[in-house]
Amino acid sequence: MEVSSNLHKYNEPIRIELRSSSTLDQLWSLLLDTTRKIGQRGYRVCLLKYDEWLVIDYTTSYLLHISKDGKVKARRSYKPTVHNAVLFGSNILATRTTNCLNFYRI
């Protein structure tokens, strides 16, 4: 079977959704205003306090702050590109770039 090398050129829209851990019912869904190529590195998410989320868009170097009801609260460019993020306790956000580990009080 031959797979076309053009497959990776097609873009697909990105949608994130939050589901209940007990019923898998969809709580909210958000279509992001970006696309990614098939096979391209995925997005990263980090749970913040107050049931909000940080979405890392690796392709565009943007960080998206998502509210607990699935709305974009803020969209900020961040250089260098963030690879991962994690919240320590309730107010220390750690972000990892290629060469640095940064800590922020939030």
Foldseek 3Di string as FASTA:
>chain_A
DDDDPCQQVDWDWDKDFDADPVPRHTQAMDTDPDTHGVPDDDWAWEQAPPRWIWIFDQVQQWIFIAHNNGHTPDIDHDPPRWDYWYDDDHFWIWTDDPPDIDIDGD
